[in-house]
């Protein structure tokens, strides 16, 4: 079974991963953990995108989760590991990479801040495709990857939950 472990929003990741773990325990099947940005890179590859690709997930709070890949017809290679940043900061980081194709819901949501002379948003690659996730896991299995148990799969948040952040900003409710 395939499960997206993030990065993403706290509640959605917890619900999705808890469901996958429960099904894995109930059925005895193993889990293959994938990241949102890796599946977006594979989705871009499957859509025929080549070259530098920034997979961008809307993180809310005026931030994005992102990673940079080199994508070819053969697959993709991660160039910059997953980060969290404000869209304007990401735009500055991408300036040194030449032509970059932006994919994901974060690219669409923050188009104005992210576009530049050497950047284009692909509106047809906005969400991680389930078919691409299956293809990605198939490639990993062919490369020797093995399924994990439910105990070995954990969410990848990259920042505190919104409730924690809000509590730190606003303080306790009287």
C-alpha atoms as a PDB file:
ATOM      1  CA  UNK A   1       0.000   0.000   0.000  1.00  0.00           C
ATOM      2  CA  UNK A   2       1.243   3.505  -0.813  1.00  0.00           C
ATOM      3  CA  UNK A   3       0.989   6.389   1.644  1.00  0.00           C
ATOM      4  CA  UNK A   4       1.972  10.039   1.193  1.00  0.00           C
ATOM      5  CA  UNK A   5       3.914  11.074   4.298  1.00  0.00           C
ATOM      6  CA  UNK A   6       4.198  14.758   3.448  1.00  0.00           C
ATOM      7  CA  UNK A   7       5.270  17.372   3.614  1.00  0.00           C
ATOM      8  CA  UNK A   8       1.777  18.639   4.097  1.00  0.00           C
ATOM      9  CA  UNK A   9      -0.716  19.983   6.542  1.00  0.00           C
ATOM     10  CA  UNK A  10      -0.773  18.420   9.994  1.00  0.00           C
ATOM     11  CA  UNK A  11      -4.346  17.108  10.201  1.00  0.00           C
ATOM     12  CA  UNK A  12      -4.513  15.737   6.667  1.00  0.00           C
ATOM     13  CA  UNK A  13      -1.237  13.864   7.072  1.00  0.00           C
ATOM     14  CA  UNK A  14      -2.222  12.399  10.433  1.00  0.00           C
ATOM     15  CA  UNK A  15      -5.588  11.185   9.140  1.00  0.00           C
ATOM     16  CA  UNK A  16      -4.167   9.735   5.918  1.00  0.00           C
ATOM     17  CA  UNK A  17      -1.227   8.005   7.562  1.00  0.00           C
ATOM     18  CA  UNK A  18      -3.343   6.665  10.462  1.00  0.00           C
ATOM     19  CA  UNK A  19      -5.801   5.223   7.935  1.00  0.00           C
ATOM     20  CA  UNK A  20      -3.012   3.589   5.915  1.00  0.00           C
ATOM     21  CA  UNK A  21      -1.432   2.168   9.069  1.00  0.00           C
ATOM     22  CA  UNK A  22      -4.768   0.784  10.240  1.00  0.00           C
ATOM     23  CA  UNK A  23      -5.382  -0.881   6.885  1.00  0.00           C
ATOM     24  CA  UNK A  24      -1.833  -2.252   6.868  1.00  0.00           C
ATOM     25  CA  UNK A  25      -2.283  -3.807  10.310  1.00  0.00           C
ATOM     26  CA  UNK A  26      -5.725  -5.197   9.429  1.00  0.00           C
ATOM     27  CA  UNK A  27      -4.620  -6.721   6.120  1.00  0.00           C
ATOM     28  CA  UNK A  28      -0.987  -7.534   6.847  1.00  0.00           C
ATOM     29  CA  UNK A  29       0.300  -5.625   3.824  1.00  0.00           C
ATOM     30  CA  UNK A  30       3.407  -3.458   3.913  1.00  0.00           C
ATOM     31  CA  UNK A  31       3.568   0.278   3.316  1.00  0.00           C
ATOM     32  CA  UNK A  32       5.542   2.268   0.794  1.00  0.00           C
ATOM     33  CA  UNK A  33       6.021   5.847   1.981  1.00  0.00           C
ATOM     34  CA  UNK A  34       6.335   8.584  -0.652  1.00  0.00           C
ATOM     35  CA  UNK A  35       6.673  12.337  -0.320  1.00  0.00           C
ATOM     36  CA  UNK A  36       4.267  14.813  -1.884  1.00  0.00           C
ATOM     37  CA  UNK A  37       7.080  16.519  -3.765  1.00  0.00           C
ATOM     38  CA  UNK A  38       8.529  13.259  -5.142  1.00  0.00           C
ATOM     39  CA  UNK A  39       5.093  12.258  -6.444  1.00  0.00           C
ATOM     40  CA  UNK A  40       4.676  15.731  -7.993  1.00  0.00           C
ATOM     41  CA  UNK A  41       8.058  15.282  -9.710  1.00  0.00           C
ATOM     42  CA  UNK A  42       6.945  11.890 -11.028  1.00  0.00           C
ATOM     43  CA  UNK A  43       3.621  13.418 -12.125  1.00  0.00           C
ATOM     44  CA  UNK A  44       5.550  16.084 -14.048  1.00  0.00           C
ATOM     45  CA  UNK A  45       7.711  13.382 -15.635  1.00  0.00           C
ATOM     46  CA  UNK A  46       4.592  11.426 -16.631  1.00  0.00           C
ATOM     47  CA  UNK A  47       3.146  14.622 -18.170  1.00  0.00           C
ATOM     48  CA  UNK A  48       6.222  14.953 -20.391  1.00  0.00           C
ATOM     49  CA  UNK A  49       7.904  17.771 -18.462  1.00  0.00           C
ATOM     50  CA  UNK A  50      11.699  17.736 -18.653  1.00  0.00           C
ATOM     51  CA  UNK A  51      14.446  19.903 -17.181  1.00  0.00           C
ATOM     52  CA  UNK A  52      14.450  21.625 -13.830  1.00  0.00           C
ATOM     53  CA  UNK A  53      11.174  21.213 -11.949  1.00  0.00           C
ATOM     54  CA  UNK A  54      10.200  22.793  -8.638  1.00  0.00           C
ATOM     55  CA  UNK A  55       7.489  20.733  -6.937  1.00  0.00           C
ATOM     56  CA  UNK A  56       5.582  23.190  -4.761  1.00  0.00           C
ATOM     57  CA  UNK A  57       2.874  22.362  -2.202  1.00  0.00           C
ATOM     58  CA  UNK A  58       0.803  25.133  -0.631  1.00  0.00           C
ATOM     59  CA  UNK A  59       1.682  25.072   3.080  1.00  0.00           C
ATOM     60  CA  UNK A  60      -0.773  27.829   3.992  1.00  0.00           C
ATOM     61  CA  UNK A  61       0.384  30.618   6.351  1.00  0.00           C
ATOM     62  CA  UNK A  62       1.849  32.304   3.221  1.00  0.00           C
ATOM     63  CA  UNK A  63       4.438  29.522   2.861  1.00  0.00           C
ATOM     64  CA  UNK A  64       5.136  26.623   0.518  1.00  0.00           C
ATOM     65  CA  UNK A  65       6.813  23.251   0.829  1.00  0.00           C
ATOM     66  CA  UNK A  66       9.120  22.766  -2.137  1.00  0.00           C
ATOM     67  CA  UNK A  67      11.907  20.685  -3.634  1.00  0.00           C
ATOM     68  CA  UNK A  68      13.863  21.029  -6.869  1.00  0.00           C
ATOM     69  CA  UNK A  69      14.377  18.174  -9.315  1.00  0.00           C
ATOM     70  CA  UNK A  70      16.078  17.426 -12.600  1.00  0.00           C
ATOM     71  CA  UNK A  71      13.398  15.587 -14.599  1.00  0.00           C
ATOM     72  CA  UNK A  72      13.952  13.546 -17.757  1.00  0.00           C
ATOM     73  CA  UNK A  73      12.044  10.871 -19.650  1.00  0.00           C
ATOM     74  CA  UNK A  74      13.906   8.304 -17.506  1.00  0.00           C
ATOM     75  CA  UNK A  75      12.748   9.761 -14.180  1.00  0.00           C
ATOM     76  CA  UNK A  76      13.945  12.422 -11.801  1.00  0.00           C
ATOM     77  CA  UNK A  77      16.796  13.294  -9.485  1.00  0.00           C
ATOM     78  CA  UNK A  78      16.438  15.542  -6.438  1.00  0.00           C
ATOM     79  CA  UNK A  79      18.674  18.626  -6.678  1.00  0.00           C
ATOM     80  CA  UNK A  80      17.455  20.513  -3.595  1.00  0.00           C
ATOM     81  CA  UNK A  81      15.849  18.667  -0.692  1.00  0.00           C
ATOM     82  CA  UNK A  82      12.424  19.607   0.598  1.00  0.00           C
ATOM     83  CA  UNK A  83      12.212  22.967   2.354  1.00  0.00           C
ATOM     84  CA  UNK A  84       9.557  25.326   3.642  1.00  0.00           C
ATOM     85  CA  UNK A  85       9.735  28.983   2.596  1.00  0.00           C
ATOM     86  CA  UNK A  86       7.747  32.076   1.769  1.00  0.00           C
ATOM     87  CA  UNK A  87       7.019  32.234  -1.990  1.00  0.00           C
ATOM     88  CA  UNK A  88       9.181  35.362  -2.436  1.00  0.00           C
ATOM     89  CA  UNK A  89      12.118  33.620  -0.740  1.00  0.00           C
ATOM     90  CA  UNK A  90      11.637  30.583  -2.977  1.00  0.00           C
ATOM     91  CA  UNK A  91      11.563  32.811  -6.076  1.00  0.00           C
ATOM     92  CA  UNK A  92      14.936  34.260  -5.062  1.00  0.00           C
ATOM     93  CA  UNK A  93      16.361  30.764  -4.428  1.00  0.00           C
ATOM     94  CA  UNK A  94      15.248  29.611  -7.877  1.00  0.00           C
ATOM     95  CA  UNK A  95      16.928  32.539  -9.664  1.00  0.00           C
ATOM     96  CA  UNK A  96      20.237  30.687  -9.860  1.00  0.00           C
ATOM     97  CA  UNK A  97      18.837  27.563 -11.534  1.00  0.00           C
ATOM     98  CA  UNK A  98      17.966  28.870 -15.005  1.00  0.00           C
ATOM     99  CA  UNK A  99      14.680  27.776 -16.587  1.00  0.00           C
ATOM    100  CA  UNK A 100      12.474  26.080 -13.964  1.00  0.00           C
ATOM    101  CA  UNK A 101       9.014  24.582 -14.457  1.00  0.00           C
ATOM    102  CA  UNK A 102       6.801  25.064 -11.394  1.00  0.00           C
ATOM    103  CA  UNK A 103       4.270  22.345 -10.547  1.00  0.00           C
ATOM    104  CA  UNK A 104       1.861  21.785  -7.673  1.00  0.00           C
ATOM    105  CA  UNK A 105      -0.972  23.630  -5.988  1.00  0.00           C
ATOM    106  CA  UNK A 106       1.533  25.954  -4.316  1.00  0.00           C
ATOM    107  CA  UNK A 107       2.759  27.119  -7.735  1.00  0.00           C
ATOM    108  CA  UNK A 108      -0.774  28.026  -8.750  1.00  0.00           C
ATOM    109  CA  UNK A 109      -1.706  29.608  -5.403  1.00  0.00           C
ATOM    110  CA  UNK A 110       1.415  31.804  -5.349  1.00  0.00           C
ATOM    111  CA  UNK A 111       1.881  32.311  -9.093  1.00  0.00           C
ATOM    112  CA  UNK A 112       2.409  36.096  -8.841  1.00  0.00           C
ATOM    113  CA  UNK A 113       5.277  35.800  -6.359  1.00  0.00           C
ATOM    114  CA  UNK A 114       6.916  32.822  -8.067  1.00  0.00           C
ATOM    115  CA  UNK A 115       6.886  33.692 -11.747  1.00  0.00           C
ATOM    116  CA  UNK A 116      10.027  35.102 -13.296  1.00  0.00           C
ATOM    117  CA  UNK A 117      11.674  35.454 -16.688  1.00  0.00           C
ATOM    118  CA  UNK A 118      12.935  31.867 -16.530  1.00  0.00           C
ATOM    119  CA  UNK A 119       9.980  30.249 -14.730  1.00  0.00           C
ATOM    120  CA  UNK A 120       6.646  28.905 -15.948  1.00  0.00           C
ATOM    121  CA  UNK A 121       3.739  27.328 -14.026  1.00  0.00           C
ATOM    122  CA  UNK A 122       2.276  24.093 -15.425  1.00  0.00           C
ATOM    123  CA  UNK A 123      -1.405  24.272 -14.519  1.00  0.00           C
ATOM    124  CA  UNK A 124      -1.938  20.683 -15.678  1.00  0.00           C
ATOM    125  CA  UNK A 125       0.348  19.328 -12.912  1.00  0.00           C
ATOM    126  CA  UNK A 126      -1.211  20.611  -9.698  1.00  0.00           C
ATOM    127  CA  UNK A 127      -1.737  17.553  -7.476  1.00  0.00           C
ATOM    128  CA  UNK A 128       0.294  14.408  -6.882  1.00  0.00           C
ATOM    129  CA  UNK A 129      -1.257  11.824  -9.218  1.00  0.00           C
ATOM    130  CA  UNK A 130      -2.165   8.431  -7.699  1.00  0.00           C
ATOM    131  CA  UNK A 131      -1.067   6.765 -10.960  1.00  0.00           C
ATOM    132  CA  UNK A 132       2.293   8.532 -10.693  1.00  0.00           C
ATOM    133  CA  UNK A 133       2.628   7.412  -7.068  1.00  0.00           C
ATOM    134  CA  UNK A 134       2.089   3.826  -8.204  1.00  0.00           C
ATOM    135  CA  UNK A 135       4.628   4.239 -11.009  1.00  0.00           C
ATOM    136  CA  UNK A 136       7.142   5.792  -8.576  1.00  0.00           C
ATOM    137  CA  UNK A 137       6.786   2.942  -6.089  1.00  0.00           C
ATOM    138  CA  UNK A 138       7.111   0.424  -8.936  1.00  0.00           C
ATOM    139  CA  UNK A 139      10.401   2.038  -9.940  1.00  0.00           C
ATOM    140  CA  UNK A 140      11.595   1.957  -6.337  1.00  0.00           C
ATOM    141  CA  UNK A 141      10.667  -1.710  -5.975  1.00  0.00           C
ATOM    142  CA  UNK A 142      12.558  -2.454  -9.208  1.00  0.00           C
ATOM    143  CA  UNK A 143      15.523  -0.671  -7.596  1.00  0.00           C
ATOM    144  CA  UNK A 144      15.351  -2.906  -4.525  1.00  0.00           C
ATOM    145  CA  UNK A 145      13.095  -0.953  -2.145  1.00  0.00           C
ATOM    146  CA  UNK A 146      11.053  -3.003   0.291  1.00  0.00           C
ATOM    147  CA  UNK A 147       7.771  -2.300   2.018  1.00  0.00           C
ATOM    148  CA  UNK A 148       7.854  -0.981   5.574  1.00  0.00           C
ATOM    149  CA  UNK A 149       5.762  -1.957   8.564  1.00  0.00           C
ATOM    150  CA  UNK A 150       3.250   0.432  10.101  1.00  0.00           C
ATOM    151  CA  UNK A 151       5.726   1.149  12.914  1.00  0.00           C
ATOM    152  CA  UNK A 152       8.274   2.533  10.441  1.00  0.00           C
ATOM    153  CA  UNK A 153       6.052   5.078   8.659  1.00  0.00           C
ATOM    154  CA  UNK A 154       5.729   8.567  10.128  1.00  0.00           C
ATOM    155  CA  UNK A 155       4.433  11.926   8.903  1.00  0.00           C
ATOM    156  CA  UNK A 156       6.915  14.516   7.697  1.00  0.00           C
ATOM    157  CA  UNK A 157       5.650  17.923   8.778  1.00  0.00           C
ATOM    158  CA  UNK A 158       8.626  20.363   8.437  1.00  0.00           C
ATOM    159  CA  UNK A 159       6.975  22.749  10.915  1.00  0.00           C
ATOM    160  CA  UNK A 160       4.662  22.905  13.917  1.00  0.00           C
ATOM    161  CA  UNK A 161       0.943  22.214  13.603  1.00  0.00           C
ATOM    162  CA  UNK A 162      -1.251  25.264  12.990  1.00  0.00           C
ATOM    163  CA  UNK A 163      -2.777  24.855  16.460  1.00  0.00           C
ATOM    164  CA  UNK A 164       0.674  25.039  18.098  1.00  0.00           C
ATOM    165  CA  UNK A 165       1.716  28.020  15.980  1.00  0.00           C
ATOM    166  CA  UNK A 166      -1.551  29.832  16.724  1.00  0.00           C
ATOM    167  CA  UNK A 167      -1.174  29.133  20.445  1.00  0.00           C
ATOM    168  CA  UNK A 168       2.351  30.583  20.399  1.00  0.00           C
ATOM    169  CA  UNK A 169       1.178  33.722  18.582  1.00  0.00           C
ATOM    170  CA  UNK A 170      -2.101  34.313  20.411  1.00  0.00           C
ATOM    171  CA  UNK A 171      -1.361  32.735  23.762  1.00  0.00           C
ATOM    172  CA  UNK A 172      -3.724  30.635  25.852  1.00  0.00           C
ATOM    173  CA  UNK A 173      -7.435  31.346  25.779  1.00  0.00           C
ATOM    174  CA  UNK A 174      -8.613  32.803  29.075  1.00  0.00           C
END
